[in-house]
Amino acid sequence: MKIDLFGGTGFIGSNFKKLYHDITHIHDREDNNPIEDGDNVLYMISTTHNYHVFDDIHKDVDTNLTKLLNVLEKCKSKNLTFNFISSWFVYGDVDLPAKENYCCNPKGFYSITKKCAEDLVISYCNTFDIKYRILRLCNVYGKSDEGVSKKKNALQYLINEIKNNNPINLYYDGMFIRDYMHVDDICKAIHFVLNDKNSNYIINIGSGISQNFREIIEFVINQTNSKSKINQIDAAKFHKIVQVKDMYMCVNKLKNLGFKQSIDIYEGIKTLL
């Protein structure tokens, strides 16, 4: 199998390349053309949070939609499968665990454009007889994420604050749930799906475990003997507009393919301390 990776310089893409360097070709940012003998296009180019509405109102559309269409157009008449990396953000407020066949209700420019991108991929691929898969990722964490901030990968941002003995401010006192998976497991799960002989479907990539955020934070404080104090604060207005309180996904499809997660959340977090 040859994998044609668009977006290989980001957190997940760079880790995927490390694990599967012998079968993965990474494109330059401006290159829209798939390689001639590739089996799978793996498309990871994306913004990473909902906050660009404050600094560049066009960024999510330009990055998540326009760039995508430029690449999709070059896939026409090629014998490949287009694998689009999406996000749990597309679900919005739904019953949990979130299932692939649910009607989505995304909030915020990032979330909305990711769902729109999914629909464009499916429509274009059906129109031009291109095989596709949509992979919706859970929250991803791991050592090499250089884009950690309050806006992206808040867990690792708070872990760094705890290591520095700084006070921790938590919405809802940390009493909400998320679905976390280590970046190595994420990459292995993506590779696992790319090896599936079937196509034209949506699949959740995650642990399927509802992790209590407060419990994770307390674990980090205990492991590091930190002096950090936890403060409960009201969720910001914009956070309430664009973010759901609780989320974890049903991963029965992934498990039925035979994939098994190898890194437990608490073992994975220890590697960050």
C-alpha atoms as a PDB file:
ATOM      1  CA  MET A   1       0.000   0.000   0.000  1.00  0.00           C
ATOM      2  CA  LYS A   2       1.182   3.508  -0.855  1.00  0.00           C
ATOM      3  CA  ILE A   3      -0.257   6.387   1.179  1.00  0.00           C
ATOM      4  CA  ASP A   4      -0.449   9.904  -0.241  1.00  0.00           C
ATOM      5  CA  LEU A   5      -0.460  12.221   2.783  1.00  0.00           C
ATOM      6  CA  PHE A   6      -1.733  15.785   2.562  1.00  0.00           C
ATOM      7  CA  GLY A   7      -1.112  17.639   5.837  1.00  0.00           C
ATOM      8  CA  GLY A   8       1.905  15.689   7.001  1.00  0.00           C
ATOM      9  CA  THR A   9       3.540  18.494   8.983  1.00  0.00           C
ATOM     10  CA  GLY A  10       0.889  18.706  11.706  1.00  0.00           C
ATOM     11  CA  PHE A  11       0.784  16.839  15.004  1.00  0.00           C
ATOM     12  CA  ILE A  12      -0.981  13.707  13.778  1.00  0.00           C
ATOM     13  CA  GLY A  13       0.453  13.775  10.260  1.00  0.00           C
ATOM     14  CA  SER A  14       4.065  13.994  11.409  1.00  0.00           C
ATOM     15  CA  ASN A  15       3.552  11.094  13.821  1.00  0.00           C
ATOM     16  CA  PHE A  16       1.870   9.039  11.103  1.00  0.00           C
ATOM     17  CA  LYS A  17       4.835   9.669   8.819  1.00  0.00           C
ATOM     18  CA  LYS A  18       7.252   8.481  11.534  1.00  0.00           C
ATOM     19  CA  LEU A  19       5.366   5.230  12.012  1.00  0.00           C
ATOM     20  CA  TYR A  20       4.794   4.506   8.320  1.00  0.00           C
ATOM     21  CA  HIS A  21       7.601   6.406   6.606  1.00  0.00           C
ATOM     22  CA  ASP A  22       8.333   3.610   4.142  1.00  0.00           C
ATOM     23  CA  ILE A  23       4.865   3.704   2.563  1.00  0.00           C
ATOM     24  CA  THR A  24       3.933   7.375   3.029  1.00  0.00           C
ATOM     25  CA  HIS A  25       4.543  10.272   0.664  1.00  0.00           C
ATOM     26  CA  ILE A  26       4.114  13.785   2.112  1.00  0.00           C
ATOM     27  CA  HIS A  27       3.030  16.642  -0.139  1.00  0.00           C
ATOM     28  CA  ASP A  28       4.205  20.227   0.030  1.00  0.00           C
ATOM     29  CA  ARG A  29       1.526  22.669   1.134  1.00  0.00           C
ATOM     30  CA  GLU A  30       0.935  24.010  -2.378  1.00  0.00           C
ATOM     31  CA  ASP A  31       0.958  20.621  -4.123  1.00  0.00           C
ATOM     32  CA  ASN A  32      -2.565  19.440  -4.964  1.00  0.00           C
ATOM     33  CA  ASN A  33      -1.664  16.477  -7.181  1.00  0.00           C
ATOM     34  CA  PRO A  34      -1.823  12.894  -5.863  1.00  0.00           C
ATOM     35  CA  ILE A  35       1.075  10.659  -6.810  1.00  0.00           C
ATOM     36  CA  GLU A  36       0.430   8.493  -9.857  1.00  0.00           C
ATOM     37  CA  ASP A  37       0.642   5.080  -8.172  1.00  0.00           C
ATOM     38  CA  GLY A  38      -0.879   5.862  -4.767  1.00  0.00           C
ATOM     39  CA  ASP A  39      -3.557   3.592  -3.290  1.00  0.00           C
ATOM     40  CA  ASN A  40      -4.867   5.876  -0.566  1.00  0.00           C
ATOM     41  CA  VAL A  41      -5.023   9.640  -0.270  1.00  0.00           C
ATOM     42  CA  LEU A  42      -4.899  10.532   3.419  1.00  0.00           C
ATOM     43  CA  TYR A  43      -6.153  14.099   3.772  1.00  0.00           C
ATOM     44  CA  MET A  44      -5.323  15.854   7.060  1.00  0.00           C
ATOM     45  CA  ILE A  45      -5.109  19.538   6.068  1.00  0.00           C
ATOM     46  CA  SER A  46      -7.314  21.475   8.494  1.00  0.00           C
ATOM     47  CA  THR A  47      -7.640  24.263  10.987  1.00  0.00           C
ATOM     48  CA  THR A  48      -7.739  23.026  14.577  1.00  0.00           C
ATOM     49  CA  HIS A  49     -10.169  25.160  16.582  1.00  0.00           C
ATOM     50  CA  ASN A  50     -13.219  27.422  16.421  1.00  0.00           C
ATOM     51  CA  TYR A  51     -11.518  30.702  17.370  1.00  0.00           C
ATOM     52  CA  HIS A  52     -10.422  31.945  13.924  1.00  0.00           C
ATOM     53  CA  VAL A  53     -13.747  33.768  13.650  1.00  0.00           C
ATOM     54  CA  PHE A  54     -12.110  36.469  15.803  1.00  0.00           C
ATOM     55  CA  ASP A  55      -8.944  36.991  13.729  1.00  0.00           C
ATOM     56  CA  ASP A  56      -9.592  35.692  10.192  1.00  0.00           C
ATOM     57  CA  ILE A  57     -13.212  34.999   9.283  1.00  0.00           C
ATOM     58  CA  HIS A  58     -12.209  33.293   6.019  1.00  0.00           C
ATOM     59  CA  LYS A  59      -9.532  30.947   7.396  1.00  0.00           C
ATOM     60  CA  ASP A  60     -11.736  27.942   8.155  1.00  0.00           C
ATOM     61  CA  VAL A  61     -13.427  28.151   4.755  1.00  0.00           C
ATOM     62  CA  ASP A  62     -10.155  28.666   2.855  1.00  0.00           C
ATOM     63  CA  THR A  63      -8.337  25.869   4.686  1.00  0.00           C
ATOM     64  CA  ASN A  64     -11.059  23.310   5.301  1.00  0.00           C
ATOM     65  CA  LEU A  65     -13.046  23.717   2.079  1.00  0.00           C
ATOM     66  CA  THR A  66     -11.258  25.548  -0.738  1.00  0.00           C
ATOM     67  CA  LYS A  67      -7.961  23.687  -0.350  1.00  0.00           C
ATOM     68  CA  LEU A  68      -9.855  20.395  -0.059  1.00  0.00           C
ATOM     69  CA  LEU A  69     -11.679  20.997  -3.340  1.00  0.00           C
ATOM     70  CA  ASN A  70      -8.415  21.789  -5.103  1.00  0.00           C
ATOM     71  CA  VAL A  71      -7.058  18.386  -4.085  1.00  0.00           C
ATOM     72  CA  LEU A  72     -10.303  16.502  -4.709  1.00  0.00           C
ATOM     73  CA  GLU A  73     -10.431  17.801  -8.258  1.00  0.00           C
ATOM     74  CA  LYS A  74      -7.042  16.205  -8.951  1.00  0.00           C
ATOM     75  CA  CYS A  75      -8.315  12.824  -7.741  1.00  0.00           C
ATOM     76  CA  LYS A  76     -10.866  12.512 -10.523  1.00  0.00           C
ATOM     77  CA  SER A  77     -10.376   9.489 -12.794  1.00  0.00           C
ATOM     78  CA  LYS A  78      -7.733   7.984 -10.489  1.00  0.00           C
ATOM     79  CA  ASN A  79      -7.935   4.512  -8.954  1.00  0.00           C
ATOM     80  CA  LEU A  80      -7.585   5.490  -5.297  1.00  0.00           C
ATOM     81  CA  THR A  81      -9.496   5.850  -2.044  1.00  0.00           C
ATOM     82  CA  PHE A  82      -9.873   9.328  -0.568  1.00  0.00           C
ATOM     83  CA  ASN A  83      -9.580   9.160   3.238  1.00  0.00           C
ATOM     84  CA  PHE A  84     -10.710  12.360   4.934  1.00  0.00           C
ATOM     85  CA  ILE A  85      -9.682  13.037   8.535  1.00  0.00           C
ATOM     86  CA  SER A  86     -12.559  14.683  10.356  1.00  0.00           C
ATOM     87  CA  SER A  87     -13.357  15.379  14.008  1.00  0.00           C
ATOM     88  CA  TRP A  88     -15.801  14.610  16.781  1.00  0.00           C
ATOM     89  CA  PHE A  89     -16.620  18.331  16.660  1.00  0.00           C
ATOM     90  CA  VAL A  90     -18.982  17.683  13.734  1.00  0.00           C
ATOM     91  CA  TYR A  91     -21.476  15.955  16.038  1.00  0.00           C
ATOM     92  CA  GLY A  92     -22.479  18.922  18.197  1.00  0.00           C
ATOM     93  CA  ASP A  93     -25.157  18.135  20.773  1.00  0.00           C
ATOM     94  CA  VAL A  94     -26.217  14.506  20.265  1.00  0.00           C
ATOM     95  CA  ASP A  95     -27.090  11.530  22.425  1.00  0.00           C
ATOM     96  CA  LEU A  96     -24.010   9.734  23.719  1.00  0.00           C
ATOM     97  CA  PRO A  97     -22.096   7.772  22.719  1.00  0.00           C
ATOM     98  CA  ALA A  98     -22.116   9.552  19.350  1.00  0.00           C
ATOM     99  CA  LYS A  99     -22.722   7.145  16.468  1.00  0.00           C
ATOM    100  CA  GLU A 100     -21.711   7.554  12.848  1.00  0.00           C
ATOM    101  CA  ASN A 101     -25.294   7.504  11.569  1.00  0.00           C
ATOM    102  CA  TYR A 102     -26.455  10.370  13.822  1.00  0.00           C
ATOM    103  CA  CYS A 103     -27.668  13.622  12.352  1.00  0.00           C
ATOM    104  CA  CYS A 104     -24.935  16.150  13.208  1.00  0.00           C
ATOM    105  CA  ASN A 105     -25.434  19.607  14.673  1.00  0.00           C
ATOM    106  CA  PRO A 106     -21.978  21.259  14.518  1.00  0.00           C
ATOM    107  CA  LYS A 107     -21.275  24.556  16.287  1.00  0.00           C
ATOM    108  CA  GLY A 108     -18.667  27.141  15.328  1.00  0.00           C
ATOM    109  CA  PHE A 109     -16.812  27.816  12.064  1.00  0.00           C
ATOM    110  CA  TYR A 110     -14.281  24.993  12.489  1.00  0.00           C
ATOM    111  CA  SER A 111     -16.946  22.416  13.318  1.00  0.00           C
ATOM    112  CA  ILE A 112     -19.348  23.547  10.601  1.00  0.00           C
ATOM    113  CA  THR A 113     -16.715  23.606   7.859  1.00  0.00           C
ATOM    114  CA  LYS A 114     -15.467  20.147   8.871  1.00  0.00           C
ATOM    115  CA  LYS A 115     -18.990  18.746   8.485  1.00  0.00           C
ATOM    116  CA  CYS A 116     -19.420  20.614   5.205  1.00  0.00           C
ATOM    117  CA  ALA A 117     -16.092  19.140   4.057  1.00  0.00           C
ATOM    118  CA  GLU A 118     -17.354  15.648   4.848  1.00  0.00           C
ATOM    119  CA  ASP A 119     -20.465  16.248   2.749  1.00  0.00           C
ATOM    120  CA  LEU A 120     -18.442  17.680  -0.138  1.00  0.00           C
ATOM    121  CA  VAL A 121     -16.099  14.675  -0.107  1.00  0.00           C
ATOM    122  CA  ILE A 122     -19.013  12.235  -0.177  1.00  0.00           C
ATOM    123  CA  SER A 123     -20.868  14.140  -2.917  1.00  0.00           C
ATOM    124  CA  TYR A 124     -17.786  14.596  -5.121  1.00  0.00           C
ATOM    125  CA  CYS A 125     -16.644  11.004  -4.710  1.00  0.00           C
ATOM    126  CA  ASN A 126     -20.092   9.652  -5.518  1.00  0.00           C
ATOM    127  CA  THR A 127     -20.320  11.915  -8.569  1.00  0.00           C
ATOM    128  CA  PHE A 128     -16.969  10.809 -10.010  1.00  0.00           C
ATOM    129  CA  ASP A 129     -16.885   7.203  -8.741  1.00  0.00           C
ATOM    130  CA  ILE A 130     -14.058   7.746  -6.255  1.00  0.00           C
ATOM    131  CA  LYS A 131     -13.924   5.518  -3.210  1.00  0.00           C
ATOM    132  CA  TYR A 132     -13.843   7.350   0.128  1.00  0.00           C
ATOM    133  CA  ARG A 133     -13.774   7.010   3.898  1.00  0.00           C
ATOM    134  CA  ILE A 134     -14.556   9.652   6.542  1.00  0.00           C
ATOM    135  CA  LEU A 135     -12.601   9.180   9.801  1.00  0.00           C
ATOM    136  CA  ARG A 136     -13.893  11.168  12.800  1.00  0.00           C
ATOM    137  CA  LEU A 137     -11.198  11.464  15.462  1.00  0.00           C
ATOM    138  CA  CYS A 138     -11.652  11.841  19.210  1.00  0.00           C
ATOM    139  CA  ASN A 139      -9.427  14.134  21.332  1.00  0.00           C
ATOM    140  CA  VAL A 140      -5.795  13.327  20.547  1.00  0.00           C
ATOM    141  CA  TYR A 141      -2.848  13.797  22.916  1.00  0.00           C
ATOM    142  CA  GLY A 142       0.846  12.982  22.841  1.00  0.00           C
ATOM    143  CA  LYS A 143       4.344  14.300  23.409  1.00  0.00           C
ATOM    144  CA  SER A 144       5.071  16.038  20.132  1.00  0.00           C
ATOM    145  CA  ASP A 145       2.052  18.349  19.901  1.00  0.00           C
ATOM    146  CA  GLU A 146       3.653  21.766  19.481  1.00  0.00           C
ATOM    147  CA  GLY A 147       0.317  23.533  19.013  1.00  0.00           C
ATOM    148  CA  VAL A 148      -0.893  23.045  22.585  1.00  0.00           C
ATOM    149  CA  SER A 149      -2.943  25.998  23.857  1.00  0.00           C
ATOM    150  CA  LYS A 150      -6.178  26.861  25.630  1.00  0.00           C
ATOM    151  CA  LYS A 151      -7.854  26.672  22.222  1.00  0.00           C
ATOM    152  CA  LYS A 152      -6.319  23.369  21.065  1.00  0.00           C
ATOM    153  CA  ASN A 153      -5.492  20.367  23.248  1.00  0.00           C
ATOM    154  CA  ALA A 154      -6.547  22.021  26.490  1.00  0.00           C
ATOM    155  CA  LEU A 155      -5.671  18.863  28.437  1.00  0.00           C
ATOM    156  CA  GLN A 156      -1.968  19.118  27.622  1.00  0.00           C
ATOM    157  CA  TYR A 157      -2.024  22.865  28.171  1.00  0.00           C
ATOM    158  CA  LEU A 158      -3.364  22.263  31.686  1.00  0.00           C
ATOM    159  CA  ILE A 159      -0.847  19.472  32.294  1.00  0.00           C
ATOM    160  CA  ASN A 160       1.932  21.973  31.581  1.00  0.00           C
ATOM    161  CA  GLU A 161       0.320  24.459  33.956  1.00  0.00           C
ATOM    162  CA  ILE A 162       0.131  21.804  36.669  1.00  0.00           C
ATOM    163  CA  LYS A 163       3.789  20.910  36.188  1.00  0.00           C
ATOM    164  CA  ASN A 164       4.569  24.597  36.769  1.00  0.00           C
ATOM    165  CA  ASN A 165       2.393  24.670  39.932  1.00  0.00           C
ATOM    166  CA  ASN A 166       0.040  27.236  38.408  1.00  0.00           C
ATOM    167  CA  PRO A 167      -3.640  27.461  39.406  1.00  0.00           C
ATOM    168  CA  ILE A 168      -6.050  25.511  37.181  1.00  0.00           C
ATOM    169  CA  ASN A 169      -9.311  27.104  36.061  1.00  0.00           C
ATOM    170  CA  LEU A 170     -11.930  24.578  34.971  1.00  0.00           C
ATOM    171  CA  TYR A 171     -15.312  25.076  33.359  1.00  0.00           C
ATOM    172  CA  TYR A 172     -18.050  23.100  35.129  1.00  0.00           C
ATOM    173  CA  ASP A 173     -15.478  22.288  37.843  1.00  0.00           C
ATOM    174  CA  GLY A 174     -14.048  19.762  35.405  1.00  0.00           C
ATOM    175  CA  MET A 175     -17.166  17.625  35.651  1.00  0.00           C
ATOM    176  CA  PHE A 176     -17.533  16.806  31.976  1.00  0.00           C
ATOM    177  CA  ILE A 177     -16.499  13.881  29.814  1.00  0.00           C
ATOM    178  CA  ARG A 178     -14.261  13.441  26.787  1.00  0.00           C
ATOM    179  CA  ASP A 179     -12.921  10.608  24.631  1.00  0.00           C
ATOM    180  CA  TYR A 180      -9.095  10.562  24.513  1.00  0.00           C
ATOM    181  CA  MET A 181      -6.649   8.499  22.496  1.00  0.00           C
ATOM    182  CA  HIS A 182      -2.857   8.679  22.327  1.00  0.00           C
ATOM    183  CA  VAL A 183      -1.512   9.875  18.978  1.00  0.00           C
ATOM    184  CA  ASP A 184       0.313   6.557  18.397  1.00  0.00           C
ATOM    185  CA  ASP A 185      -2.969   4.651  18.723  1.00  0.00           C
ATOM    186  CA  ILE A 186      -4.701   7.214  16.517  1.00  0.00           C
ATOM    187  CA  CYS A 187      -2.125   6.721  13.775  1.00  0.00           C
ATOM    188  CA  LYS A 188      -2.320   2.936  14.079  1.00  0.00           C
ATOM    189  CA  ALA A 189      -6.117   3.070  13.906  1.00  0.00           C
ATOM    190  CA  ILE A 190      -5.976   5.253  10.774  1.00  0.00           C
ATOM    191  CA  HIS A 191      -3.540   2.815   9.167  1.00  0.00           C
ATOM    192  CA  PHE A 192      -5.815  -0.051  10.199  1.00  0.00           C
ATOM    193  CA  VAL A 193      -8.801   1.573   8.466  1.00  0.00           C
ATOM    194  CA  LEU A 194      -6.772   2.304   5.333  1.00  0.00           C
ATOM    195  CA  ASN A 195      -6.075  -1.426   5.078  1.00  0.00           C
ATOM    196  CA  ASP A 196      -9.780  -2.254   5.116  1.00  0.00           C
ATOM    197  CA  LYS A 197     -10.952  -3.632   1.771  1.00  0.00           C
ATOM    198  CA  ASN A 198     -14.283  -1.818   2.185  1.00  0.00           C
ATOM    199  CA  SER A 199     -14.893   1.866   1.513  1.00  0.00           C
ATOM    200  CA  ASN A 200     -17.608   4.550   1.244  1.00  0.00           C
ATOM    201  CA  TYR A 201     -18.360   4.852   4.941  1.00  0.00           C
ATOM    202  CA  ILE A 202     -17.919   7.033   8.040  1.00  0.00           C
ATOM    203  CA  ILE A 203     -16.060   5.654  11.055  1.00  0.00           C
ATOM    204  CA  ASN A 204     -15.302   6.967  14.552  1.00  0.00           C
ATOM    205  CA  ILE A 205     -11.688   6.725  15.722  1.00  0.00           C
ATOM    206  CA  GLY A 206     -11.468   6.838  19.501  1.00  0.00           C
ATOM    207  CA  SER A 207     -11.359   4.870  22.710  1.00  0.00           C
ATOM    208  CA  GLY A 208     -15.113   4.733  23.181  1.00  0.00           C
ATOM    209  CA  ILE A 209     -14.474   5.441  26.882  1.00  0.00           C
ATOM    210  CA  SER A 210     -16.107   8.374  28.660  1.00  0.00           C
ATOM    211  CA  GLN A 211     -13.260   9.943  30.644  1.00  0.00           C
ATOM    212  CA  ASN A 212     -14.102  12.321  33.471  1.00  0.00           C
ATOM    213  CA  PHE A 213     -11.929  15.395  32.921  1.00  0.00           C
ATOM    214  CA  ARG A 214     -11.703  16.280  36.625  1.00  0.00           C
ATOM    215  CA  GLU A 215     -10.388  12.815  37.446  1.00  0.00           C
ATOM    216  CA  ILE A 216      -7.649  13.164  34.825  1.00  0.00           C
ATOM    217  CA  ILE A 217      -6.582  16.557  36.202  1.00  0.00           C
ATOM    218  CA  GLU A 218      -6.484  15.238  39.776  1.00  0.00           C
ATOM    219  CA  PHE A 219      -4.408  12.274  38.592  1.00  0.00           C
ATOM    220  CA  VAL A 220      -1.853  14.661  37.039  1.00  0.00           C
ATOM    221  CA  ILE A 221      -1.699  16.761  40.213  1.00  0.00           C
ATOM    222  CA  ASN A 222      -1.094  13.664  42.345  1.00  0.00           C
ATOM    223  CA  GLN A 223       1.495  12.199  39.971  1.00  0.00           C
ATOM    224  CA  THR A 224       3.504  15.434  39.856  1.00  0.00           C
ATOM    225  CA  ASN A 225       3.050  16.403  43.528  1.00  0.00           C
ATOM    226  CA  SER A 226       1.924  19.744  42.146  1.00  0.00           C
ATOM    227  CA  LYS A 227       0.832  22.651  44.309  1.00  0.00           C
ATOM    228  CA  SER A 228      -1.738  23.690  41.693  1.00  0.00           C
ATOM    229  CA  LYS A 229      -5.179  24.568  42.997  1.00  0.00           C
ATOM    230  CA  ILE A 230      -8.340  23.879  40.997  1.00  0.00           C
ATOM    231  CA  ASN A 231     -10.719  26.809  40.575  1.00  0.00           C
ATOM    232  CA  GLN A 232     -14.230  26.437  39.213  1.00  0.00           C
ATOM    233  CA  ILE A 233     -15.123  29.182  36.717  1.00  0.00           C
ATOM    234  CA  ASP A 234     -18.147  29.890  34.558  1.00  0.00           C
ATOM    235  CA  ALA A 235     -17.846  28.787  30.949  1.00  0.00           C
ATOM    236  CA  ALA A 236     -17.201  31.728  28.638  1.00  0.00           C
ATOM    237  CA  LYS A 237     -20.085  32.819  26.418  1.00  0.00           C
ATOM    238  CA  PHE A 238     -18.259  31.848  23.213  1.00  0.00           C
ATOM    239  CA  HIS A 239     -17.368  28.450  24.676  1.00  0.00           C
ATOM    240  CA  LYS A 240     -21.063  27.788  25.271  1.00  0.00           C
ATOM    241  CA  ILE A 241     -21.844  28.828  21.690  1.00  0.00           C
ATOM    242  CA  VAL A 242     -19.309  26.568  19.947  1.00  0.00           C
ATOM    243  CA  GLN A 243     -18.548  23.732  22.371  1.00  0.00           C
ATOM    244  CA  VAL A 244     -20.569  20.806  23.683  1.00  0.00           C
ATOM    245  CA  LYS A 245     -20.233  19.989  27.378  1.00  0.00           C
ATOM    246  CA  ASP A 246     -19.857  16.195  27.081  1.00  0.00           C
ATOM    247  CA  MET A 247     -18.653  13.953  24.274  1.00  0.00           C
ATOM    248  CA  TYR A 248     -17.537  10.418  23.644  1.00  0.00           C
ATOM    249  CA  MET A 249     -18.080   8.249  20.610  1.00  0.00           C
ATOM    250  CA  CYS A 250     -19.312   4.768  19.823  1.00  0.00           C
ATOM    251  CA  VAL A 251     -16.392   2.842  18.297  1.00  0.00           C
ATOM    252  CA  ASN A 252     -18.099  -0.471  17.536  1.00  0.00           C
ATOM    253  CA  LYS A 253     -17.273  -0.125  13.840  1.00  0.00           C
ATOM    254  CA  LEU A 254     -13.575   0.278  14.628  1.00  0.00           C
ATOM    255  CA  LYS A 255     -13.599  -2.652  17.052  1.00  0.00           C
ATOM    256  CA  ASN A 256     -15.435  -4.836  14.541  1.00  0.00           C
ATOM    257  CA  LEU A 257     -12.575  -4.233  12.108  1.00  0.00           C
ATOM    258  CA  GLY A 258     -10.324  -5.780  14.758  1.00  0.00           C
ATOM    259  CA  PHE A 259      -8.530  -2.694  16.077  1.00  0.00           C
ATOM    260  CA  LYS A 260      -7.516  -2.640  19.757  1.00  0.00           C
ATOM    261  CA  GLN A 261      -6.240   0.408  21.625  1.00  0.00           C
ATOM    262  CA  SER A 262      -2.843  -0.249  23.216  1.00  0.00           C
ATOM    263  CA  ILE A 263      -2.176   2.850  25.364  1.00  0.00           C
ATOM    264  CA  ASP A 264      -4.396   3.489  28.395  1.00  0.00           C
ATOM    265  CA  ILE A 265      -5.168   7.167  29.061  1.00  0.00           C
ATOM    266  CA  TYR A 266      -3.349   7.209  32.410  1.00  0.00           C
ATOM    267  CA  GLU A 267      -0.303   5.380  31.062  1.00  0.00           C
ATOM    268  CA  GLY A 268      -0.245   7.768  28.150  1.00  0.00           C
ATOM    269  CA  ILE A 269      -0.458  10.812  30.399  1.00  0.00           C
ATOM    270  CA  LYS A 270       2.517   9.590  32.424  1.00  0.00           C
ATOM    271  CA  THR A 271       4.664  10.025  29.311  1.00  0.00           C
ATOM    272  CA  LEU A 272       3.807  13.742  29.363  1.00  0.00           C
ATOM    273  CA  LEU A 273       4.842  14.346  32.973  1.00  0.00           C
END
